[in-house]
Each structure stands twice: as C-alpha cells, then as structure tokens.
Amino acid sequence: MLNEKQIETMIKAGRDFMKMPHEDPDYKSDQDLKKQQPPLVKEAMGGQLIDLPTDFSDLNLENDFMKIINTRQSHRVFTSQNMTLLELSFLLWSTQGVKSIRGKSYATIRTVPCGGARHEFETYFVVQYVEGLEKGLYHYLPMTHQIEFLSPVEDCREFIDKSTAGQTWCTKASIVLYYSSVFYRAEWRYGVYSHRVQLMDIGHVMQNVYMACTAAHLGTTAIGYIDGDYLNAVFTLDGEEECMICCCPVGTVDAKNQQAEIDFYAFVKEQGL
C-alpha cells in the first residue's frame, strides 16, 4: 500500500508532467536531426482483410450539431443488439479515417486533429454483436478503410470483462474499441515534449467517438482503466514501442434504460454529494 509520502511524490510528478515543460532551445528532435521518419500507420498484421462500406447516406444519422452536443452523454447500459457493419464503418471513419496525405508521405490528414498530424494511435477492437462479422479481434487499417480479422474469441464477455479490469457493465457492448499509442510517431517530431501532447491527442479521438455514437444513436463511454498488459499480450504489442492506453465500449442503447443509467450515480445522492 502506498504511504502518504509516496502519494505526495506521485501527485507532484503527475502535476509536473501536466505542466508545459521549459523548452531547451538547443534540443533537437529526430525530425530536426533528419532521422528517418517512422511509418504513418501500422502495416496489416496478417489477418483476413475485410472492405468496409462507405455510403453513410444509408444511416439514420442525427445531423443537428447542437442536438448532438446537447444530448451527448456517457452510456453504461447497452441492449446487446447487433450493430450493422455500416455503423461500425462510420465509427472507424469518424475517429481515425484518413482524408488525405500531406506531402508525398509526410503526414495523414484525418477526421480528428492531432499534434503535428502525427496520428500515433492504432485502433483495435473486439466484435461481439455486429451483423456479418465473426466474434473476435480486429485491427483497423485507415489508409484503405479496411479491417482485418485477427482471431476468434470464444467468450467475448469474459474477454471484455478482463480487458476492462472487471468493469462488468462493459460486457454487454456490441464492440469495444481499444487504442494503442505507437510512441515514436510523435517522438520523432516532438521528442521529449511529445508525451503530454499525446494525451491531448487521444482526447480528440475520444470526443469523436462520442459525437459519432450520438449521431448514430449508439452509446459509449471512454475508459482509461484497462488491463494494459493483458491487451498488449492478446494483440501482440511489445508494450514499449506500442502499448494500449484506453478503450471505448460501444453498443446499442434504449431511452427506456435512462433510469438504469442514472442509477450508476446513486452514490451521489446516498452520500449527499
């Protein structure tokens, strides 16, 4: 158990990390030093490639931006109904889709902002309830807007429960999006100053997950508390150059469950907060 001094030290270290560091005018990043740029995306991992549909006009999307902003909320009660492949495609495009390439191959311009357009994140996910897709693990390929099927999962609920460190409410989600960071993509440009910005960058992605889910009448909640070691092993990430950092369960929702959503915060009333 952490003692008071350890807690104080860790809090100070966290606060110092969040502050804008003093920039050394003589410091040079690997980009400044003309070192080779890392790949813009991760190559396919050898799974079965699946093309995604791109005609989103067939979706019943909410197009009123103010309504999307005002009705956006975290959802923890899912109905365990099937999502469509088109809905999945829309979520992946809205959160990491590549719109264009800057220069010959300098950077990807995507549907989310990112410091220096480095886009250091990779999208993995588990499918539990998606029409036409086998239950199992997948990886998104943003350059071609495809997904690759990596491996089946016998018990998705057990997998989701373990991956989210026992947050059992996630186990009724249709899919869970898992995001890793390939650190050097950002470090190449910003070096020692990159890591604080990477946390800002993943926030942009999370917001787009929320906005896309709200527009598509789905529900989600961003989660930072995950079993990273387990997920790194399952998706064969080395945990050093690339590691899992967060996830978003996504599922079908029903307005009838609003009270159940409210009940997650019953402690506020019980404790008089």
C-alpha atoms as a PDB file:
ATOM      1  CA  MET A   1       0.000   0.000   0.000  1.00  0.00           C
ATOM      2  CA  LEU A   2       1.258   3.478  -0.851  1.00  0.00           C
ATOM      3  CA  ASN A   3       2.225   5.597   2.125  1.00  0.00           C
ATOM      4  CA  GLU A   4       1.495   9.308   2.411  1.00  0.00           C
ATOM      5  CA  LYS A   5       4.966  10.343   1.238  1.00  0.00           C
ATOM      6  CA  GLN A   6       4.763   8.121  -1.857  1.00  0.00           C
ATOM      7  CA  ILE A   7       1.343   9.511  -2.713  1.00  0.00           C
ATOM      8  CA  GLU A   8       2.618  13.072  -2.351  1.00  0.00           C
ATOM      9  CA  THR A   9       5.616  12.325  -4.576  1.00  0.00           C
ATOM     10  CA  MET A  10       3.466  10.709  -7.275  1.00  0.00           C
ATOM     11  CA  ILE A  11       0.979  13.587  -7.274  1.00  0.00           C
ATOM     12  CA  LYS A  12       3.797  16.110  -7.669  1.00  0.00           C
ATOM     13  CA  ALA A  13       5.285  14.086 -10.535  1.00  0.00           C
ATOM     14  CA  GLY A  14       1.884  13.964 -12.230  1.00  0.00           C
ATOM     15  CA  ARG A  15       1.387  17.704 -11.848  1.00  0.00           C
ATOM     16  CA  ASP A  16       4.856  18.426 -13.199  1.00  0.00           C
ATOM     17  CA  PHE A  17       4.124  16.203 -16.203  1.00  0.00           C
ATOM     18  CA  MET A  18       0.957  18.156 -16.964  1.00  0.00           C
ATOM     19  CA  LYS A  19       2.778  21.497 -16.926  1.00  0.00           C
ATOM     20  CA  MET A  20       4.252  22.816 -20.147  1.00  0.00           C
ATOM     21  CA  PRO A  21       7.948  21.916 -19.853  1.00  0.00           C
ATOM     22  CA  HIS A  22      10.641  24.542 -20.245  1.00  0.00           C
ATOM     23  CA  GLU A  23      11.905  24.187 -23.776  1.00  0.00           C
ATOM     24  CA  ASP A  24      15.629  23.855 -24.295  1.00  0.00           C
ATOM     25  CA  PRO A  25      16.480  25.992 -27.350  1.00  0.00           C
ATOM     26  CA  ASP A  26      19.405  23.680 -28.149  1.00  0.00           C
ATOM     27  CA  TYR A  27      17.336  20.480 -28.030  1.00  0.00           C
ATOM     28  CA  LYS A  28      16.755  18.802 -31.387  1.00  0.00           C
ATOM     29  CA  SER A  29      14.169  16.173 -32.172  1.00  0.00           C
ATOM     30  CA  ASP A  30      14.852  13.298 -34.530  1.00  0.00           C
ATOM     31  CA  GLN A  31      12.975  15.231 -37.207  1.00  0.00           C
ATOM     32  CA  ASP A  32      15.334  18.174 -36.664  1.00  0.00           C
ATOM     33  CA  LEU A  33      18.255  15.759 -36.929  1.00  0.00           C
ATOM     34  CA  LYS A  34      16.890  14.490 -40.274  1.00  0.00           C
ATOM     35  CA  LYS A  35      16.480  10.942 -38.987  1.00  0.00           C
ATOM     36  CA  GLN A  36      14.205   8.623 -40.916  1.00  0.00           C
ATOM     37  CA  GLN A  37      10.528   9.241 -40.330  1.00  0.00           C
ATOM     38  CA  PRO A  38       8.572   6.311 -38.862  1.00  0.00           C
ATOM     39  CA  PRO A  39       5.736   4.755 -40.914  1.00  0.00           C
ATOM     40  CA  LEU A  40       2.489   6.727 -40.863  1.00  0.00           C
ATOM     41  CA  VAL A  41       0.451   3.639 -39.986  1.00  0.00           C
ATOM     42  CA  LYS A  42       0.992   0.105 -38.856  1.00  0.00           C
ATOM     43  CA  GLU A  43       1.017  -2.494 -41.590  1.00  0.00           C
ATOM     44  CA  ALA A  44      -1.604  -5.228 -41.700  1.00  0.00           C
ATOM     45  CA  MET A  45      -0.857  -7.913 -39.133  1.00  0.00           C
ATOM     46  CA  GLY A  46      -1.645 -10.858 -41.378  1.00  0.00           C
ATOM     47  CA  GLY A  47      -5.347 -11.151 -40.714  1.00  0.00           C
ATOM     48  CA  GLN A  48      -8.199 -11.623 -43.182  1.00  0.00           C
ATOM     49  CA  LEU A  49      -8.908  -8.284 -44.892  1.00  0.00           C
ATOM     50  CA  ILE A  50     -12.495  -7.016 -44.981  1.00  0.00           C
ATOM     51  CA  ASP A  51     -13.604  -3.995 -47.011  1.00  0.00           C
ATOM     52  CA  LEU A  52     -15.855  -1.539 -45.213  1.00  0.00           C
ATOM     53  CA  PRO A  53     -18.883   0.187 -46.784  1.00  0.00           C
ATOM     54  CA  THR A  54     -18.555   3.948 -47.228  1.00  0.00           C
ATOM     55  CA  ASP A  55     -22.007   5.162 -48.278  1.00  0.00           C
ATOM     56  CA  PHE A  56     -23.088   6.649 -44.973  1.00  0.00           C
ATOM     57  CA  SER A  57     -26.198   8.177 -46.543  1.00  0.00           C
ATOM     58  CA  ASP A  58     -27.953   4.910 -45.717  1.00  0.00           C
ATOM     59  CA  LEU A  59     -27.513   5.566 -41.983  1.00  0.00           C
ATOM     60  CA  ASN A  60     -30.189   7.319 -39.947  1.00  0.00           C
ATOM     61  CA  LEU A  61     -27.781   9.941 -38.648  1.00  0.00           C
ATOM     62  CA  GLU A  62     -28.649  12.889 -36.457  1.00  0.00           C
ATOM     63  CA  ASN A  63     -27.424  15.926 -38.401  1.00  0.00           C
ATOM     64  CA  ASP A  64     -28.349  18.691 -35.942  1.00  0.00           C
ATOM     65  CA  PHE A  65     -24.983  19.594 -34.425  1.00  0.00           C
ATOM     66  CA  MET A  66     -26.439  21.398 -31.410  1.00  0.00           C
ATOM     67  CA  LYS A  67     -28.645  18.406 -30.663  1.00  0.00           C
ATOM     68  CA  ILE A  68     -25.621  16.116 -30.829  1.00  0.00           C
ATOM     69  CA  ILE A  69     -23.701  18.393 -28.450  1.00  0.00           C
ATOM     70  CA  ASN A  70     -26.594  18.736 -26.019  1.00  0.00           C
ATOM     71  CA  THR A  71     -27.609  15.073 -25.962  1.00  0.00           C
ATOM     72  CA  ARG A  72     -24.118  13.575 -25.811  1.00  0.00           C
ATOM     73  CA  GLN A  73     -23.663  11.546 -22.641  1.00  0.00           C
ATOM     74  CA  SER A  74     -21.799   8.536 -21.310  1.00  0.00           C
ATOM     75  CA  HIS A  75     -23.732   5.287 -21.657  1.00  0.00           C
ATOM     76  CA  ARG A  76     -23.144   2.238 -19.480  1.00  0.00           C
ATOM     77  CA  VAL A  77     -26.354   0.330 -20.180  1.00  0.00           C
ATOM     78  CA  PHE A  78     -26.351  -1.479 -23.507  1.00  0.00           C
ATOM     79  CA  THR A  79     -29.119  -3.596 -25.034  1.00  0.00           C
ATOM     80  CA  SER A  80     -26.767  -6.194 -26.593  1.00  0.00           C
ATOM     81  CA  GLN A  81     -28.358  -5.834 -30.021  1.00  0.00           C
ATOM     82  CA  ASN A  82     -26.426  -6.099 -33.272  1.00  0.00           C
ATOM     83  CA  MET A  83     -24.736  -3.081 -34.781  1.00  0.00           C
ATOM     84  CA  THR A  84     -24.541  -3.009 -38.560  1.00  0.00           C
ATOM     85  CA  LEU A  85     -21.294  -3.167 -40.493  1.00  0.00           C
ATOM     86  CA  LEU A  86     -22.119   0.286 -41.865  1.00  0.00           C
ATOM     87  CA  GLU A  87     -22.408   1.693 -38.335  1.00  0.00           C
ATOM     88  CA  LEU A  88     -19.036   0.174 -37.444  1.00  0.00           C
ATOM     89  CA  SER A  89     -17.535   1.628 -40.621  1.00  0.00           C
ATOM     90  CA  PHE A  90     -18.931   5.066 -39.741  1.00  0.00           C
ATOM     91  CA  LEU A  91     -17.407   4.935 -36.246  1.00  0.00           C
ATOM     92  CA  LEU A  92     -13.982   3.922 -37.533  1.00  0.00           C
ATOM     93  CA  TRP A  93     -14.024   6.569 -40.262  1.00  0.00           C
ATOM     94  CA  SER A  94     -15.212   9.285 -37.857  1.00  0.00           C
ATOM     95  CA  THR A  95     -12.471   8.563 -35.337  1.00  0.00           C
ATOM     96  CA  GLN A  96      -9.361   7.696 -37.392  1.00  0.00           C
ATOM     97  CA  GLY A  97     -10.294   7.912 -41.079  1.00  0.00           C
ATOM     98  CA  VAL A  98      -7.655   9.246 -43.486  1.00  0.00           C
ATOM     99  CA  LYS A  99      -8.909  12.121 -45.650  1.00  0.00           C
ATOM    100  CA  SER A 100      -5.665  12.916 -47.455  1.00  0.00           C
ATOM    101  CA  ILE A 101      -1.880  12.708 -47.329  1.00  0.00           C
ATOM    102  CA  ARG A 102       0.285  15.772 -46.681  1.00  0.00           C
ATOM    103  CA  GLY A 103       3.292  15.875 -48.989  1.00  0.00           C
ATOM    104  CA  LYS A 104       4.485  12.632 -50.551  1.00  0.00           C
ATOM    105  CA  SER A 105       4.145  10.712 -47.299  1.00  0.00           C
ATOM    106  CA  TYR A 106       4.812  13.232 -44.542  1.00  0.00           C
ATOM    107  CA  ALA A 107       1.560  13.015 -42.629  1.00  0.00           C
ATOM    108  CA  THR A 108      -2.005  11.779 -42.747  1.00  0.00           C
ATOM    109  CA  ILE A 109      -4.824  14.307 -42.537  1.00  0.00           C
ATOM    110  CA  ARG A 110      -7.599  12.574 -40.644  1.00  0.00           C
ATOM    111  CA  THR A 111     -11.068  13.146 -39.253  1.00  0.00           C
ATOM    112  CA  VAL A 112      -9.567  14.152 -35.879  1.00  0.00           C
ATOM    113  CA  PRO A 113      -6.926  16.783 -35.059  1.00  0.00           C
ATOM    114  CA  CYS A 114      -3.522  15.684 -33.785  1.00  0.00           C
ATOM    115  CA  GLY A 115      -0.324  17.483 -32.836  1.00  0.00           C
ATOM    116  CA  GLY A 116       1.832  17.761 -35.942  1.00  0.00           C
ATOM    117  CA  ALA A 117      -0.589  15.415 -37.725  1.00  0.00           C
ATOM    118  CA  ARG A 118       1.422  12.525 -36.274  1.00  0.00           C
ATOM    119  CA  HIS A 119      -1.644  10.362 -35.516  1.00  0.00           C
ATOM    120  CA  GLU A 120       0.247   7.997 -33.286  1.00  0.00           C
ATOM    121  CA  PHE A 121      -2.736   5.812 -32.425  1.00  0.00           C
ATOM    122  CA  GLU A 122      -3.760   2.402 -33.728  1.00  0.00           C
ATOM    123  CA  THR A 123      -7.328   1.113 -33.439  1.00  0.00           C
ATOM    124  CA  TYR A 124      -8.037  -2.457 -32.390  1.00  0.00           C
ATOM    125  CA  PHE A 125     -11.399  -3.828 -31.358  1.00  0.00           C
ATOM    126  CA  VAL A 126     -13.341  -6.853 -30.275  1.00  0.00           C
ATOM    127  CA  VAL A 127     -16.610  -7.642 -32.042  1.00  0.00           C
ATOM    128  CA  GLN A 128     -19.410  -9.180 -30.051  1.00  0.00           C
ATOM    129  CA  TYR A 129     -22.585  -8.103 -31.866  1.00  0.00           C
ATOM    130  CA  VAL A 130     -22.022  -6.839 -35.429  1.00  0.00           C
ATOM    131  CA  GLU A 131     -24.055  -8.152 -38.341  1.00  0.00           C
ATOM    132  CA  GLY A 132     -21.942 -10.145 -40.771  1.00  0.00           C
ATOM    133  CA  LEU A 133     -18.781 -10.251 -38.652  1.00  0.00           C
ATOM    134  CA  GLU A 134     -17.400 -13.173 -36.694  1.00  0.00           C
ATOM    135  CA  LYS A 135     -16.942 -12.607 -32.982  1.00  0.00           C
ATOM    136  CA  GLY A 136     -13.311 -11.879 -32.317  1.00  0.00           C
ATOM    137  CA  LEU A 137     -10.385  -9.476 -32.506  1.00  0.00           C
ATOM    138  CA  TYR A 138      -9.845  -6.961 -35.308  1.00  0.00           C
ATOM    139  CA  HIS A 139      -7.459  -4.199 -36.401  1.00  0.00           C
ATOM    140  CA  TYR A 140      -8.410  -1.092 -38.398  1.00  0.00           C
ATOM    141  CA  LEU A 141      -6.391  -0.146 -41.498  1.00  0.00           C
ATOM    142  CA  PRO A 142      -7.091   3.579 -42.006  1.00  0.00           C
ATOM    143  CA  MET A 143      -5.204   4.024 -45.271  1.00  0.00           C
ATOM    144  CA  THR A 144      -7.539   1.661 -47.121  1.00  0.00           C
ATOM    145  CA  HIS A 145     -10.522   1.882 -44.739  1.00  0.00           C
ATOM    146  CA  GLN A 146     -10.459  -1.853 -44.181  1.00  0.00           C
ATOM    147  CA  ILE A 147     -10.440  -4.056 -41.128  1.00  0.00           C
ATOM    148  CA  GLU A 148      -8.518  -7.243 -40.618  1.00  0.00           C
ATOM    149  CA  PHE A 149      -9.816 -10.205 -38.651  1.00  0.00           C
ATOM    150  CA  LEU A 150      -7.055 -11.321 -36.299  1.00  0.00           C
ATOM    151  CA  SER A 151      -8.535 -14.189 -34.292  1.00  0.00           C
ATOM    152  CA  PRO A 152     -11.839 -15.519 -32.927  1.00  0.00           C
ATOM    153  CA  VAL A 153     -12.833 -15.060 -29.291  1.00  0.00           C
ATOM    154  CA  GLU A 154     -14.791 -17.893 -27.735  1.00  0.00           C
ATOM    155  CA  ASP A 155     -16.284 -15.878 -24.874  1.00  0.00           C
ATOM    156  CA  CYS A 156     -16.415 -12.160 -25.704  1.00  0.00           C
ATOM    157  CA  ARG A 157     -17.996 -11.190 -22.380  1.00  0.00           C
ATOM    158  CA  GLU A 158     -15.188 -12.823 -20.441  1.00  0.00           C
ATOM    159  CA  PHE A 159     -12.609 -11.163 -22.683  1.00  0.00           C
ATOM    160  CA  ILE A 160     -14.204  -7.719 -22.325  1.00  0.00           C
ATOM    161  CA  ASP A 161     -14.518  -8.104 -18.554  1.00  0.00           C
ATOM    162  CA  LYS A 162     -10.823  -8.968 -18.211  1.00  0.00           C
ATOM    163  CA  SER A 163      -9.665  -6.289 -20.644  1.00  0.00           C
ATOM    164  CA  THR A 164     -11.554  -3.583 -18.726  1.00  0.00           C
ATOM    165  CA  ALA A 165     -10.256  -4.785 -15.350  1.00  0.00           C
ATOM    166  CA  GLY A 166     -13.588  -6.157 -14.132  1.00  0.00           C
ATOM    167  CA  GLN A 167     -15.933  -3.379 -15.273  1.00  0.00           C
ATOM    168  CA  THR A 168     -18.704  -5.874 -15.978  1.00  0.00           C
ATOM    169  CA  TRP A 169     -21.144  -3.308 -17.381  1.00  0.00           C
ATOM    170  CA  CYS A 170     -18.926  -3.191 -20.485  1.00  0.00           C
ATOM    171  CA  THR A 171     -19.651  -6.841 -21.295  1.00  0.00           C
ATOM    172  CA  LYS A 172     -22.970  -6.062 -22.990  1.00  0.00           C
ATOM    173  CA  ALA A 173     -21.342  -3.759 -25.547  1.00  0.00           C
ATOM    174  CA  SER A 174     -21.575  -4.627 -29.227  1.00  0.00           C
ATOM    175  CA  ILE A 175     -17.898  -3.777 -29.722  1.00  0.00           C
ATOM    176  CA  VAL A 176     -15.054  -2.397 -27.642  1.00  0.00           C
ATOM    177  CA  LEU A 177     -12.572  -0.067 -29.350  1.00  0.00           C
ATOM    178  CA  TYR A 178      -9.035  -0.350 -27.948  1.00  0.00           C
ATOM    179  CA  TYR A 179      -6.491   2.370 -28.695  1.00  0.00           C
ATOM    180  CA  SER A 180      -2.732   1.944 -28.594  1.00  0.00           C
ATOM    181  CA  SER A 181      -0.040   4.564 -28.971  1.00  0.00           C
ATOM    182  CA  VAL A 182       2.932   3.972 -31.261  1.00  0.00           C
ATOM    183  CA  PHE A 183       5.052   6.404 -29.304  1.00  0.00           C
ATOM    184  CA  TYR A 184       7.833   7.141 -31.773  1.00  0.00           C
ATOM    185  CA  ARG A 185       5.442   8.551 -34.366  1.00  0.00           C
ATOM    186  CA  ALA A 186       5.036  11.560 -32.078  1.00  0.00           C
ATOM    187  CA  GLU A 187       8.509  11.382 -30.508  1.00  0.00           C
ATOM    188  CA  TRP A 188      10.153  11.652 -33.931  1.00  0.00           C
ATOM    189  CA  ARG A 189       8.741  15.171 -34.306  1.00  0.00           C
ATOM    190  CA  TYR A 190       8.451  16.389 -30.698  1.00  0.00           C
ATOM    191  CA  GLY A 191      10.910  14.181 -28.807  1.00  0.00           C
ATOM    192  CA  VAL A 192      10.846  14.635 -25.039  1.00  0.00           C
ATOM    193  CA  TYR A 193       7.946  17.083 -25.369  1.00  0.00           C
ATOM    194  CA  SER A 194       5.622  14.650 -27.143  1.00  0.00           C
ATOM    195  CA  HIS A 195       4.005  12.657 -24.361  1.00  0.00           C
ATOM    196  CA  ARG A 196       1.845  15.340 -22.776  1.00  0.00           C
ATOM    197  CA  VAL A 197       0.551  16.239 -26.234  1.00  0.00           C
ATOM    198  CA  GLN A 198      -0.265  12.586 -26.929  1.00  0.00           C
ATOM    199  CA  LEU A 199      -2.739  12.657 -24.050  1.00  0.00           C
ATOM    200  CA  MET A 200      -4.370  15.703 -25.622  1.00  0.00           C
ATOM    201  CA  ASP A 201      -4.457  13.893 -28.961  1.00  0.00           C
ATOM    202  CA  ILE A 202      -6.286  10.842 -27.606  1.00  0.00           C
ATOM    203  CA  GLY A 203      -8.843  13.226 -26.100  1.00  0.00           C
ATOM    204  CA  HIS A 204      -9.684  14.423 -29.615  1.00  0.00           C
ATOM    205  CA  VAL A 205     -10.260  10.813 -30.665  1.00  0.00           C
ATOM    206  CA  MET A 206     -12.467  10.092 -27.660  1.00  0.00           C
ATOM    207  CA  GLN A 207     -14.611  13.150 -28.362  1.00  0.00           C
ATOM    208  CA  ASN A 208     -15.156  11.986 -31.937  1.00  0.00           C
ATOM    209  CA  VAL A 209     -16.191   8.561 -30.637  1.00  0.00           C
ATOM    210  CA  TYR A 210     -18.832  10.282 -28.507  1.00  0.00           C
ATOM    211  CA  MET A 211     -20.010  12.543 -31.319  1.00  0.00           C
ATOM    212  CA  ALA A 212     -20.202   9.713 -33.860  1.00  0.00           C
ATOM    213  CA  CYS A 213     -22.048   7.452 -31.421  1.00  0.00           C
ATOM    214  CA  THR A 214     -24.532  10.187 -30.585  1.00  0.00           C
ATOM    215  CA  ALA A 215     -25.123  10.913 -34.273  1.00  0.00           C
ATOM    216  CA  ALA A 216     -25.661   7.200 -34.968  1.00  0.00           C
ATOM    217  CA  HIS A 217     -27.938   6.695 -31.916  1.00  0.00           C
ATOM    218  CA  LEU A 218     -25.409   4.456 -30.184  1.00  0.00           C
ATOM    219  CA  GLY A 219     -23.834   4.727 -26.757  1.00  0.00           C
ATOM    220  CA  THR A 220     -20.271   4.780 -25.443  1.00  0.00           C
ATOM    221  CA  THR A 221     -18.067   5.697 -22.501  1.00  0.00           C
ATOM    222  CA  ALA A 222     -14.354   6.453 -22.626  1.00  0.00           C
ATOM    223  CA  ILE A 223     -12.345   4.277 -20.224  1.00  0.00           C
ATOM    224  CA  GLY A 224      -8.791   4.820 -19.060  1.00  0.00           C
ATOM    225  CA  TYR A 225      -8.708   1.961 -16.544  1.00  0.00           C
ATOM    226  CA  ILE A 226      -7.814  -1.123 -18.573  1.00  0.00           C
ATOM    227  CA  ASP A 227      -5.655  -4.227 -18.192  1.00  0.00           C
ATOM    228  CA  GLY A 228      -2.940  -2.961 -20.499  1.00  0.00           C
ATOM    229  CA  ASP A 229      -0.574  -5.904 -20.032  1.00  0.00           C
ATOM    230  CA  TYR A 230      -3.317  -8.358 -20.952  1.00  0.00           C
ATOM    231  CA  LEU A 231      -4.332  -6.391 -24.040  1.00  0.00           C
ATOM    232  CA  ASN A 232      -0.727  -5.928 -25.169  1.00  0.00           C
ATOM    233  CA  ALA A 233      -0.247  -9.694 -24.999  1.00  0.00           C
ATOM    234  CA  VAL A 234      -3.519 -10.516 -26.779  1.00  0.00           C
ATOM    235  CA  PHE A 235      -2.886  -8.072 -29.642  1.00  0.00           C
ATOM    236  CA  THR A 236       0.863  -8.935 -29.715  1.00  0.00           C
ATOM    237  CA  LEU A 237       2.099  -5.453 -28.837  1.00  0.00           C
ATOM    238  CA  ASP A 238       5.544  -5.170 -27.259  1.00  0.00           C
ATOM    239  CA  GLY A 239       4.342  -2.832 -24.501  1.00  0.00           C
ATOM    240  CA  GLU A 240       7.307  -0.496 -25.030  1.00  0.00           C
ATOM    241  CA  GLU A 241       7.244   0.903 -28.556  1.00  0.00           C
ATOM    242  CA  GLU A 242       3.484   0.376 -28.754  1.00  0.00           C
ATOM    243  CA  CYS A 243       1.087  -0.184 -25.879  1.00  0.00           C
ATOM    244  CA  MET A 244      -2.616   0.034 -25.106  1.00  0.00           C
ATOM    245  CA  ILE A 245      -3.726   3.215 -23.369  1.00  0.00           C
ATOM    246  CA  CYS A 246      -7.538   3.302 -23.269  1.00  0.00           C
ATOM    247  CA  CYS A 247     -10.760   1.889 -24.682  1.00  0.00           C
ATOM    248  CA  CYS A 248     -14.364   2.723 -25.564  1.00  0.00           C
ATOM    249  CA  PRO A 249     -17.142   0.135 -25.309  1.00  0.00           C
ATOM    250  CA  VAL A 250     -19.821   0.932 -27.898  1.00  0.00           C
ATOM    251  CA  GLY A 251     -23.293  -0.538 -28.029  1.00  0.00           C
ATOM    252  CA  THR A 252     -26.948  -0.146 -28.844  1.00  0.00           C
ATOM    253  CA  VAL A 253     -28.958   1.837 -26.305  1.00  0.00           C
ATOM    254  CA  ASP A 254     -32.595   2.428 -25.430  1.00  0.00           C
ATOM    255  CA  ALA A 255     -34.157   5.521 -23.847  1.00  0.00           C
ATOM    256  CA  LYS A 256     -36.133   3.181 -21.595  1.00  0.00           C
ATOM    257  CA  ASN A 257     -32.905   2.457 -19.731  1.00  0.00           C
ATOM    258  CA  GLN A 258     -32.298   6.065 -18.700  1.00  0.00           C
ATOM    259  CA  GLN A 259     -33.132   5.311 -15.059  1.00  0.00           C
ATOM    260  CA  ALA A 260     -30.632   2.480 -15.061  1.00  0.00           C
ATOM    261  CA  GLU A 261     -28.051   4.951 -16.374  1.00  0.00           C
ATOM    262  CA  ILE A 262     -28.912   7.365 -13.561  1.00  0.00           C
ATOM    263  CA  ASP A 263     -28.586   4.562 -11.020  1.00  0.00           C
ATOM    264  CA  PHE A 264     -24.852   4.382 -11.738  1.00  0.00           C
ATOM    265  CA  TYR A 265     -24.605   7.664  -9.843  1.00  0.00           C
ATOM    266  CA  ALA A 266     -26.859   6.699  -6.948  1.00  0.00           C
ATOM    267  CA  PHE A 267     -23.870   7.206  -4.605  1.00  0.00           C
ATOM    268  CA  VAL A 268     -24.088  10.966  -5.241  1.00  0.00           C
ATOM    269  CA  LYS A 269     -27.493  11.117  -3.564  1.00  0.00           C
ATOM    270  CA  GLU A 270     -26.661   8.497  -0.941  1.00  0.00           C
ATOM    271  CA  GLN A 271     -23.527  10.341   0.164  1.00  0.00           C
ATOM    272  CA  GLY A 272     -25.111  13.790  -0.088  1.00  0.00           C
ATOM    273  CA  LEU A 273     -22.527  14.987  -2.573  1.00  0.00           C
END
